[in-house]
Amino acid sequence: MIPIARRRAEVEARDDLLDARALAVTMAIMTQVHVSRARLIHARRRYRVAEEFYDVQYRILLQIRTALEAGRVSEQTAIREEMNTLVARVKLDLAFVELQNAFANAYASIGQDPFEDGFFSGEESVQELEASLRDKWRVLGDRHASIEGLLRRRRVPT
C-alpha cells in the first residue's frame, strides 16, 4: 500500500506542478498583452504630441518667413526656425515609427500574424509589398497604416 500512496502523491504533485506552469504561462501572456497595450497607448500619445509640436513649429516658421520678408528678423533667425521645423518633422517621423512598432507588437502579443502562409510569394515588388502590408494593417484596425497621412502634411517649402 505504501508504494501506491507514494505514487498517488507523486502524480498529484505533478498535476499541481502542471497547473502552476499553466498559470505561469497564462500570467506571462497576460503581462505581455498588457505591456504591449500600454506601449501602444503611450506611442499614440507621443505621436499626437509630436504632430501638435510640428504643427506649431510650422506656423512659427511661416510667421518668421513673413517677418523676414518684411525685414523684421534676421536671416539667421529664419535659418534657425527652418532647422527647428526640420527637427520637429524628424521627431514626428520617429513618433510615427514608434507608433507602427507598438501597433505591430500589440498584435503580435495576441497572436495576430500579418504574414500568414501565402501572404507573400517572394516575387512582389516593393510597391506591391507596401500596398499588401498597408491593406493588411488597415484590416487589423491601424488608422495610421501608411505614410500617406504624413505625405499629405504640410511640407516645409523651400
C-alpha atoms as a PDB file:
ATOM      1  CA  MET A   1       0.000   0.000   0.000  1.00  0.00           C
ATOM      2  CA  ILE A   2       2.813   2.398   0.671  1.00  0.00           C
ATOM      3  CA  PRO A   3       4.106   2.368  -2.936  1.00  0.00           C
ATOM      4  CA  ILE A   4       0.593   3.114  -4.245  1.00  0.00           C
ATOM      5  CA  ALA A   5       0.152   6.006  -1.812  1.00  0.00           C
ATOM      6  CA  ARG A   6       3.569   7.326  -2.725  1.00  0.00           C
ATOM      7  CA  ARG A   7       2.761   7.010  -6.448  1.00  0.00           C
ATOM      8  CA  ARG A   8      -0.564   8.801  -5.934  1.00  0.00           C
ATOM      9  CA  ALA A   9       1.184  11.632  -4.078  1.00  0.00           C
ATOM     10  CA  GLU A  10       3.758  11.861  -6.891  1.00  0.00           C
ATOM     11  CA  VAL A  11       1.018  12.057  -9.540  1.00  0.00           C
ATOM     12  CA  GLU A  12      -0.835  14.726  -7.550  1.00  0.00           C
ATOM     13  CA  ALA A  13       2.371  16.722  -7.148  1.00  0.00           C
ATOM     14  CA  ARG A  14       2.963  16.558 -10.905  1.00  0.00           C
ATOM     15  CA  ASP A  15      -0.612  17.689 -11.508  1.00  0.00           C
ATOM     16  CA  ASP A  16      -0.064  20.617  -9.168  1.00  0.00           C
ATOM     17  CA  LEU A  17       3.201  21.447 -10.958  1.00  0.00           C
ATOM     18  CA  LEU A  18       1.475  21.372 -14.351  1.00  0.00           C
ATOM     19  CA  ASP A  19      -1.299  23.617 -13.030  1.00  0.00           C
ATOM     20  CA  ALA A  20       1.278  26.060 -11.677  1.00  0.00           C
ATOM     21  CA  ARG A  21       3.143  26.062 -15.009  1.00  0.00           C
ATOM     22  CA  ALA A  22      -0.082  26.675 -16.913  1.00  0.00           C
ATOM     23  CA  LEU A  23      -0.892  29.559 -14.592  1.00  0.00           C
ATOM     24  CA  ALA A  24       2.607  30.988 -15.051  1.00  0.00           C
ATOM     25  CA  VAL A  25       2.307  30.823 -18.845  1.00  0.00           C
ATOM     26  CA  THR A  26      -1.117  32.454 -18.695  1.00  0.00           C
ATOM     27  CA  MET A  27       0.214  35.251 -16.487  1.00  0.00           C
ATOM     28  CA  ALA A  28       3.205  35.765 -18.809  1.00  0.00           C
ATOM     29  CA  ILE A  29       0.886  36.105 -21.805  1.00  0.00           C
ATOM     30  CA  MET A  30      -1.435  38.466 -19.928  1.00  0.00           C
ATOM     31  CA  THR A  31       1.539  40.573 -18.889  1.00  0.00           C
ATOM     32  CA  GLN A  32       2.863  40.696 -22.443  1.00  0.00           C
ATOM     33  CA  VAL A  33      -0.539  41.786 -23.781  1.00  0.00           C
ATOM     34  CA  HIS A  34      -0.897  44.395 -21.033  1.00  0.00           C
ATOM     35  CA  VAL A  35       2.588  45.823 -21.608  1.00  0.00           C
ATOM     36  CA  SER A  36       2.158  45.968 -25.390  1.00  0.00           C
ATOM     37  CA  ARG A  37      -1.213  47.690 -24.960  1.00  0.00           C
ATOM     38  CA  ALA A  38       0.335  50.242 -22.599  1.00  0.00           C
ATOM     39  CA  ARG A  39       3.156  50.863 -25.088  1.00  0.00           C
ATOM     40  CA  LEU A  40       0.613  51.378 -27.864  1.00  0.00           C
ATOM     41  CA  ILE A  41      -1.305  53.916 -25.787  1.00  0.00           C
ATOM     42  CA  HIS A  42       1.931  55.711 -24.954  1.00  0.00           C
ATOM     43  CA  ALA A  43       3.040  55.695 -28.610  1.00  0.00           C
ATOM     44  CA  ARG A  44      -0.292  57.169 -29.701  1.00  0.00           C
ATOM     45  CA  ARG A  45       0.079  59.965 -27.167  1.00  0.00           C
ATOM     46  CA  ARG A  46       3.658  60.653 -28.269  1.00  0.00           C
ATOM     47  CA  TYR A  47       2.545  60.749 -31.892  1.00  0.00           C
ATOM     48  CA  ARG A  48      -0.239  63.236 -31.127  1.00  0.00           C
ATOM     49  CA  VAL A  49       2.191  65.443 -29.183  1.00  0.00           C
ATOM     50  CA  ALA A  50       4.762  65.277 -31.997  1.00  0.00           C
ATOM     51  CA  GLU A  51       2.040  66.124 -34.506  1.00  0.00           C
ATOM     52  CA  GLU A  52       0.947  69.141 -32.495  1.00  0.00           C
ATOM     53  CA  PHE A  53       4.566  70.231 -31.988  1.00  0.00           C
ATOM     54  CA  TYR A  54       5.230  70.039 -35.713  1.00  0.00           C
ATOM     55  CA  ASP A  55       2.077  71.997 -36.499  1.00  0.00           C
ATOM     56  CA  VAL A  56       3.025  74.758 -34.043  1.00  0.00           C
ATOM     57  CA  GLN A  57       6.605  74.859 -35.300  1.00  0.00           C
ATOM     58  CA  TYR A  58       5.406  75.067 -38.889  1.00  0.00           C
ATOM     59  CA  ARG A  59       3.163  78.016 -38.064  1.00  0.00           C
ATOM     60  CA  ILE A  60       6.078  79.717 -36.309  1.00  0.00           C
ATOM     61  CA  LEU A  61       8.182  79.159 -39.419  1.00  0.00           C
ATOM     62  CA  LEU A  62       5.533  80.783 -41.612  1.00  0.00           C
ATOM     63  CA  GLN A  63       5.441  83.802 -39.305  1.00  0.00           C
ATOM     64  CA  ILE A  64       9.236  84.063 -39.297  1.00  0.00           C
ATOM     65  CA  ARG A  65       9.302  83.907 -43.087  1.00  0.00           C
ATOM     66  CA  THR A  66       6.756  86.705 -43.269  1.00  0.00           C
ATOM     67  CA  ALA A  67       8.794  88.725 -40.784  1.00  0.00           C
ATOM     68  CA  LEU A  68      11.960  88.058 -42.814  1.00  0.00           C
ATOM     69  CA  GLU A  69      10.299  89.347 -45.964  1.00  0.00           C
ATOM     70  CA  ALA A  70       9.252  92.457 -44.028  1.00  0.00           C
ATOM     71  CA  GLY A  71      12.805  92.864 -42.751  1.00  0.00           C
ATOM     72  CA  ARG A  72      11.865  92.491 -39.071  1.00  0.00           C
ATOM     73  CA  VAL A  73      14.051  89.435 -38.341  1.00  0.00           C
ATOM     74  CA  SER A  74      17.499  88.392 -39.433  1.00  0.00           C
ATOM     75  CA  GLU A  75      18.260  85.626 -41.883  1.00  0.00           C
ATOM     76  CA  GLN A  76      19.985  83.766 -39.048  1.00  0.00           C
ATOM     77  CA  THR A  77      16.699  83.670 -37.116  1.00  0.00           C
ATOM     78  CA  ALA A  78      14.899  82.360 -40.202  1.00  0.00           C
ATOM     79  CA  ILE A  79      17.522  79.643 -40.707  1.00  0.00           C
ATOM     80  CA  ARG A  80      17.263  78.641 -37.049  1.00  0.00           C
ATOM     81  CA  GLU A  81      13.488  78.271 -37.386  1.00  0.00           C
ATOM     82  CA  GLU A  82      13.931  76.251 -40.591  1.00  0.00           C
ATOM     83  CA  MET A  83      16.185  73.896 -38.636  1.00  0.00           C
ATOM     84  CA  ASN A  84      13.729  73.752 -35.730  1.00  0.00           C
ATOM     85  CA  THR A  85      10.982  72.808 -38.185  1.00  0.00           C
ATOM     86  CA  LEU A  86      13.129  70.077 -39.685  1.00  0.00           C
ATOM     87  CA  VAL A  87      13.850  68.738 -36.198  1.00  0.00           C
ATOM     88  CA  ALA A  88      10.122  68.785 -35.420  1.00  0.00           C
ATOM     89  CA  ARG A  89       9.465  66.827 -38.620  1.00  0.00           C
ATOM     90  CA  VAL A  90      12.091  64.234 -37.706  1.00  0.00           C
ATOM     91  CA  LYS A  91      10.504  63.871 -34.256  1.00  0.00           C
ATOM     92  CA  LEU A  92       7.131  63.381 -35.924  1.00  0.00           C
ATOM     93  CA  ASP A  93       8.567  60.716 -38.225  1.00  0.00           C
ATOM     94  CA  LEU A  94      10.207  58.942 -35.283  1.00  0.00           C
ATOM     95  CA  ALA A  95       6.936  59.033 -33.334  1.00  0.00           C
ATOM     96  CA  PHE A  96       5.211  57.536 -36.376  1.00  0.00           C
ATOM     97  CA  VAL A  97       7.750  54.701 -36.488  1.00  0.00           C
ATOM     98  CA  GLU A  98       7.311  54.107 -32.758  1.00  0.00           C
ATOM     99  CA  LEU A  99       3.536  54.005 -33.220  1.00  0.00           C
ATOM    100  CA  GLN A 100       3.819  51.463 -36.033  1.00  0.00           C
ATOM    101  CA  ASN A 101       6.150  49.275 -33.960  1.00  0.00           C
ATOM    102  CA  ALA A 102       3.848  49.462 -30.943  1.00  0.00           C
ATOM    103  CA  PHE A 103       0.887  48.528 -33.119  1.00  0.00           C
ATOM    104  CA  ALA A 104       2.747  45.526 -34.547  1.00  0.00           C
ATOM    105  CA  ASN A 105       3.861  44.420 -31.071  1.00  0.00           C
ATOM    106  CA  ALA A 106       0.311  44.687 -29.720  1.00  0.00           C
ATOM    107  CA  TYR A 107      -0.995  42.410 -32.444  1.00  0.00           C
ATOM    108  CA  ALA A 108       1.908  40.001 -32.075  1.00  0.00           C
ATOM    109  CA  SER A 109       1.229  39.752 -28.334  1.00  0.00           C
ATOM    110  CA  ILE A 110      -2.305  38.500 -29.022  1.00  0.00           C
ATOM    111  CA  GLY A 111      -1.151  36.105 -31.712  1.00  0.00           C
ATOM    112  CA  GLN A 112      -2.168  38.023 -34.838  1.00  0.00           C
ATOM    113  CA  ASP A 113       0.182  37.282 -37.713  1.00  0.00           C
ATOM    114  CA  PRO A 114       0.111  39.720 -40.620  1.00  0.00           C
ATOM    115  CA  PHE A 115       2.328  37.368 -42.577  1.00  0.00           C
ATOM    116  CA  GLU A 116       0.225  34.213 -42.577  1.00  0.00           C
ATOM    117  CA  ASP A 117       1.082  31.461 -45.034  1.00  0.00           C
ATOM    118  CA  GLY A 118       0.644  32.511 -48.622  1.00  0.00           C
ATOM    119  CA  PHE A 119       0.588  36.233 -47.872  1.00  0.00           C
ATOM    120  CA  PHE A 120       3.840  36.805 -49.746  1.00  0.00           C
ATOM    121  CA  SER A 121       5.230  34.781 -52.607  1.00  0.00           C
ATOM    122  CA  GLY A 122       8.651  36.427 -52.539  1.00  0.00           C
ATOM    123  CA  GLU A 123       8.256  37.780 -56.066  1.00  0.00           C
ATOM    124  CA  GLU A 124       6.481  41.028 -55.133  1.00  0.00           C
ATOM    125  CA  SER A 125       7.890  44.444 -55.937  1.00  0.00           C
ATOM    126  CA  VAL A 126       8.466  46.943 -53.158  1.00  0.00           C
ATOM    127  CA  GLN A 127       5.300  48.782 -54.185  1.00  0.00           C
ATOM    128  CA  GLU A 128       3.252  45.569 -54.078  1.00  0.00           C
ATOM    129  CA  LEU A 129       4.657  44.706 -50.644  1.00  0.00           C
ATOM    130  CA  GLU A 130       3.845  48.202 -49.376  1.00  0.00           C
ATOM    131  CA  ALA A 131       0.280  48.016 -50.704  1.00  0.00           C
ATOM    132  CA  SER A 132      -0.271  44.497 -49.299  1.00  0.00           C
ATOM    133  CA  LEU A 133       1.055  45.432 -45.857  1.00  0.00           C
ATOM    134  CA  ARG A 134      -0.916  48.691 -45.773  1.00  0.00           C
ATOM    135  CA  ASP A 135      -4.137  46.846 -46.631  1.00  0.00           C
ATOM    136  CA  LYS A 136      -3.430  44.124 -44.052  1.00  0.00           C
ATOM    137  CA  TRP A 137      -2.722  46.652 -41.263  1.00  0.00           C
ATOM    138  CA  ARG A 138      -5.891  48.564 -42.147  1.00  0.00           C
ATOM    139  CA  VAL A 139      -7.911  45.345 -41.884  1.00  0.00           C
ATOM    140  CA  LEU A 140      -6.363  44.852 -38.433  1.00  0.00           C
ATOM    141  CA  GLY A 141      -7.527  48.343 -37.450  1.00  0.00           C
ATOM    142  CA  ASP A 142      -4.498  50.599 -37.857  1.00  0.00           C
ATOM    143  CA  ARG A 143      -5.659  54.037 -38.971  1.00  0.00           C
ATOM    144  CA  HIS A 144      -2.045  55.102 -39.485  1.00  0.00           C
ATOM    145  CA  ALA A 145      -1.295  52.149 -41.751  1.00  0.00           C
ATOM    146  CA  SER A 146       0.598  54.131 -44.300  1.00  0.00           C
ATOM    147  CA  ILE A 147       2.743  57.137 -44.596  1.00  0.00           C
ATOM    148  CA  GLU A 148       0.128  58.768 -46.854  1.00  0.00           C
ATOM    149  CA  GLY A 149      -1.095  60.912 -43.967  1.00  0.00           C
ATOM    150  CA  LEU A 150       2.413  62.136 -43.346  1.00  0.00           C
ATOM    151  CA  LEU A 151       2.904  62.878 -47.025  1.00  0.00           C
ATOM    152  CA  ARG A 152      -0.245  64.990 -47.082  1.00  0.00           C
ATOM    153  CA  ARG A 153       1.027  67.094 -44.193  1.00  0.00           C
ATOM    154  CA  ARG A 154       2.361  70.495 -44.820  1.00  0.00           C
ATOM    155  CA  ARG A 155       5.852  70.303 -46.131  1.00  0.00           C
ATOM    156  CA  VAL A 156       8.409  72.927 -45.398  1.00  0.00           C
ATOM    157  CA  PRO A 157       8.505  74.871 -48.657  1.00  0.00           C
ATOM    158  CA  THR A 158      11.948  75.653 -49.988  1.00  0.00           C
END
